[in-house]
Amino acid sequence: MAHTDVPEVLHSLKDVRFPAGKDQLVEAARRAGASEEVVKALRAVPQEEYTSPQDVARSVHTDPDSDLGHTAAQRAEQAREGGKQGMSQHLRDVPRTPIQEELDEG
C-alpha cells in the first residue's frame, strides 16, 4: 500500500481558507489535483473543524518516515509511548537520548 507524506498533503490544501471542515479539505484536495492517496488520507481524518494546515497534519495518517527524519529507535519510542489519539506517530514528541543530551551540553 502506498503512503502519502505531510508536504504532499499540505500542498494539496494550499488554497483552503481555515477554519475548514473535513469535507472542505477533501474537496479542496480534489480540486488541487491531489493523488488518490492524499484524498484517502483526508477522508480518514476525524470529522471536526481544523483551524490550520498544522491541525490537519497532526490528524492525517501519513508515512512515519516521510518528513521528520526520526531514527528507527525514535519511531519505536513513539510507538511505545503513544500520543494523542488521532495524531500521526511522526508528530508525537520524541524523547532525546542521553547521547543527544550530552552532545548538546558540551
C-alpha atoms as a PDB file:
ATOM      1  CA  MET A   1       0.000   0.000   0.000  1.00  0.00           C
ATOM      2  CA  ALA A   2       1.372   3.408  -0.927  1.00  0.00           C
ATOM      3  CA  HIS A   3       1.586   6.162   1.653  1.00  0.00           C
ATOM      4  CA  THR A   4       1.387   9.893   1.351  1.00  0.00           C
ATOM      5  CA  ASP A   5       3.569  12.381   3.167  1.00  0.00           C
ATOM      6  CA  VAL A   6       2.901  15.594   5.074  1.00  0.00           C
ATOM      7  CA  PRO A   7       4.299  18.004   2.455  1.00  0.00           C
ATOM      8  CA  GLU A   8       2.103  16.379  -0.209  1.00  0.00           C
ATOM      9  CA  VAL A   9      -0.994  16.738   1.981  1.00  0.00           C
ATOM     10  CA  LEU A  10      -0.197  20.354   2.874  1.00  0.00           C
ATOM     11  CA  HIS A  11       0.465  21.230  -0.766  1.00  0.00           C
ATOM     12  CA  SER A  12      -2.974  19.938  -1.706  1.00  0.00           C
ATOM     13  CA  LEU A  13      -4.512  22.300   0.880  1.00  0.00           C
ATOM     14  CA  LYS A  14      -2.682  25.469  -0.156  1.00  0.00           C
ATOM     15  CA  ASP A  15      -5.907  27.181  -1.294  1.00  0.00           C
ATOM     16  CA  VAL A  16      -8.020  26.234   1.744  1.00  0.00           C
ATOM     17  CA  ARG A  17      -9.317  29.036   3.934  1.00  0.00           C
ATOM     18  CA  PHE A  18      -9.227  27.929   7.561  1.00  0.00           C
ATOM     19  CA  PRO A  19     -11.111  27.082   9.661  1.00  0.00           C
ATOM     20  CA  ALA A  20     -12.307  24.243   7.456  1.00  0.00           C
ATOM     21  CA  GLY A  21     -14.177  21.001   7.948  1.00  0.00           C
ATOM     22  CA  LYS A  22     -13.219  17.550   6.741  1.00  0.00           C
ATOM     23  CA  ASP A  23     -15.488  17.723   3.679  1.00  0.00           C
ATOM     24  CA  GLN A  24     -13.966  21.055   2.646  1.00  0.00           C
ATOM     25  CA  LEU A  25     -10.462  19.577   2.944  1.00  0.00           C
ATOM     26  CA  VAL A  26     -11.312  16.568   0.793  1.00  0.00           C
ATOM     27  CA  GLU A  27     -12.974  18.731  -1.855  1.00  0.00           C
ATOM     28  CA  ALA A  28     -10.064  21.205  -1.898  1.00  0.00           C
ATOM     29  CA  ALA A  29      -7.574  18.357  -2.353  1.00  0.00           C
ATOM     30  CA  ARG A  30      -9.578  17.004  -5.282  1.00  0.00           C
ATOM     31  CA  ARG A  31      -9.751  20.454  -6.914  1.00  0.00           C
ATOM     32  CA  ALA A  32      -5.985  20.821  -6.437  1.00  0.00           C
ATOM     33  CA  GLY A  33      -5.414  17.545  -8.311  1.00  0.00           C
ATOM     34  CA  ALA A  34      -4.122  15.667  -5.267  1.00  0.00           C
ATOM     35  CA  SER A  35      -3.266  11.996  -5.576  1.00  0.00           C
ATOM     36  CA  GLU A  36      -5.827   9.400  -4.573  1.00  0.00           C
ATOM     37  CA  GLU A  37      -3.634   8.576  -1.542  1.00  0.00           C
ATOM     38  CA  VAL A  38      -3.896  12.179  -0.290  1.00  0.00           C
ATOM     39  CA  VAL A  39      -7.668  12.178  -0.784  1.00  0.00           C
ATOM     40  CA  LYS A  40      -7.954   8.850   1.082  1.00  0.00           C
ATOM     41  CA  ALA A  41      -5.800  10.182   3.934  1.00  0.00           C
ATOM     42  CA  LEU A  42      -8.003  13.276   4.240  1.00  0.00           C
ATOM     43  CA  ARG A  43     -11.196  11.207   4.139  1.00  0.00           C
ATOM     44  CA  ALA A  44      -9.812   9.244   7.106  1.00  0.00           C
ATOM     45  CA  VAL A  45      -9.312  12.255   9.417  1.00  0.00           C
ATOM     46  CA  PRO A  46     -11.786  12.824  12.253  1.00  0.00           C
ATOM     47  CA  GLN A  47     -14.903  14.834  11.390  1.00  0.00           C
ATOM     48  CA  GLU A  48     -14.103  18.155  13.043  1.00  0.00           C
ATOM     49  CA  GLU A  49     -13.194  21.717  12.191  1.00  0.00           C
ATOM     50  CA  TYR A  50      -9.488  22.303  11.526  1.00  0.00           C
ATOM     51  CA  THR A  51      -8.028  25.721  12.283  1.00  0.00           C
ATOM     52  CA  SER A  52      -4.794  25.432  10.297  1.00  0.00           C
ATOM     53  CA  PRO A  53      -2.804  23.171   7.969  1.00  0.00           C
ATOM     54  CA  GLN A  54      -0.809  22.040  11.017  1.00  0.00           C
ATOM     55  CA  ASP A  55      -4.017  20.758  12.633  1.00  0.00           C
ATOM     56  CA  VAL A  56      -4.645  18.682   9.523  1.00  0.00           C
ATOM     57  CA  ALA A  57      -1.053  17.402   9.511  1.00  0.00           C
ATOM     58  CA  ARG A  58      -1.456  16.230  13.108  1.00  0.00           C
ATOM     59  CA  SER A  59      -4.593  14.257  12.255  1.00  0.00           C
ATOM     60  CA  VAL A  60      -3.860  12.755   8.857  1.00  0.00           C
ATOM     61  CA  HIS A  61      -2.301   9.287   8.697  1.00  0.00           C
ATOM     62  CA  THR A  62       0.944   9.546   6.774  1.00  0.00           C
ATOM     63  CA  ASP A  63       4.101   7.567   6.248  1.00  0.00           C
ATOM     64  CA  PRO A  64       6.040   7.993   9.516  1.00  0.00           C
ATOM     65  CA  ASP A  65       9.333   8.135   7.602  1.00  0.00           C
ATOM     66  CA  SER A  66       8.128  10.879   5.294  1.00  0.00           C
ATOM     67  CA  ASP A  67       9.209  14.164   6.761  1.00  0.00           C
ATOM     68  CA  LEU A  68      10.935  14.402  10.108  1.00  0.00           C
ATOM     69  CA  GLY A  69      13.950  12.156   9.779  1.00  0.00           C
ATOM     70  CA  HIS A  70      13.452  10.301  13.044  1.00  0.00           C
ATOM     71  CA  THR A  71      15.646   7.297  13.660  1.00  0.00           C
ATOM     72  CA  ALA A  72      14.220   3.803  13.975  1.00  0.00           C
ATOM     73  CA  ALA A  73      14.792   3.996  17.741  1.00  0.00           C
ATOM     74  CA  GLN A  74      12.863   7.269  17.976  1.00  0.00           C
ATOM     75  CA  ARG A  75       9.967   5.842  15.965  1.00  0.00           C
ATOM     76  CA  ALA A  76       9.912   2.767  18.228  1.00  0.00           C
ATOM     77  CA  GLU A  77       9.826   5.032  21.293  1.00  0.00           C
ATOM     78  CA  GLN A  78       6.891   6.938  19.788  1.00  0.00           C
ATOM     79  CA  ALA A  79       5.043   3.686  19.204  1.00  0.00           C
ATOM     80  CA  ARG A  80       5.641   2.536  22.806  1.00  0.00           C
ATOM     81  CA  GLU A  81       4.703   5.852  24.390  1.00  0.00           C
ATOM     82  CA  GLY A  82       1.673   6.556  22.239  1.00  0.00           C
ATOM     83  CA  GLY A  83       0.240  10.038  21.956  1.00  0.00           C
ATOM     84  CA  LYS A  84      -2.936  11.966  21.369  1.00  0.00           C
ATOM     85  CA  GLN A  85      -5.488   9.711  19.720  1.00  0.00           C
ATOM     86  CA  GLY A  86      -5.681  10.512  16.027  1.00  0.00           C
ATOM     87  CA  MET A  87      -2.225  12.108  15.950  1.00  0.00           C
ATOM     88  CA  SER A  88       0.164  10.690  13.397  1.00  0.00           C
ATOM     89  CA  GLN A  89       3.069   8.904  15.043  1.00  0.00           C
ATOM     90  CA  HIS A  90       5.686  11.065  13.368  1.00  0.00           C
ATOM     91  CA  LEU A  91       4.236  14.204  15.003  1.00  0.00           C
ATOM     92  CA  ARG A  92       4.416  12.908  18.562  1.00  0.00           C
ATOM     93  CA  ASP A  93       7.127  14.127  20.897  1.00  0.00           C
ATOM     94  CA  VAL A  94      10.280  12.069  20.844  1.00  0.00           C
ATOM     95  CA  PRO A  95      12.451  11.983  23.963  1.00  0.00           C
ATOM     96  CA  ARG A  96      16.082  12.907  23.478  1.00  0.00           C
ATOM     97  CA  THR A  97      18.629  10.149  24.017  1.00  0.00           C
ATOM     98  CA  PRO A  98      21.269  10.566  26.722  1.00  0.00           C
ATOM     99  CA  ILE A  99      23.909  10.893  23.999  1.00  0.00           C
ATOM    100  CA  GLN A 100      21.999  13.729  22.314  1.00  0.00           C
ATOM    101  CA  GLU A 101      21.628  15.499  25.673  1.00  0.00           C
ATOM    102  CA  GLU A 102      25.338  15.116  26.415  1.00  0.00           C
ATOM    103  CA  LEU A 103      26.335  16.468  22.996  1.00  0.00           C
ATOM    104  CA  ASP A 104      24.063  19.494  23.488  1.00  0.00           C
ATOM    105  CA  GLU A 105      25.613  20.259  26.869  1.00  0.00           C
ATOM    106  CA  GLY A 106      29.164  20.097  25.557  1.00  0.00           C
END
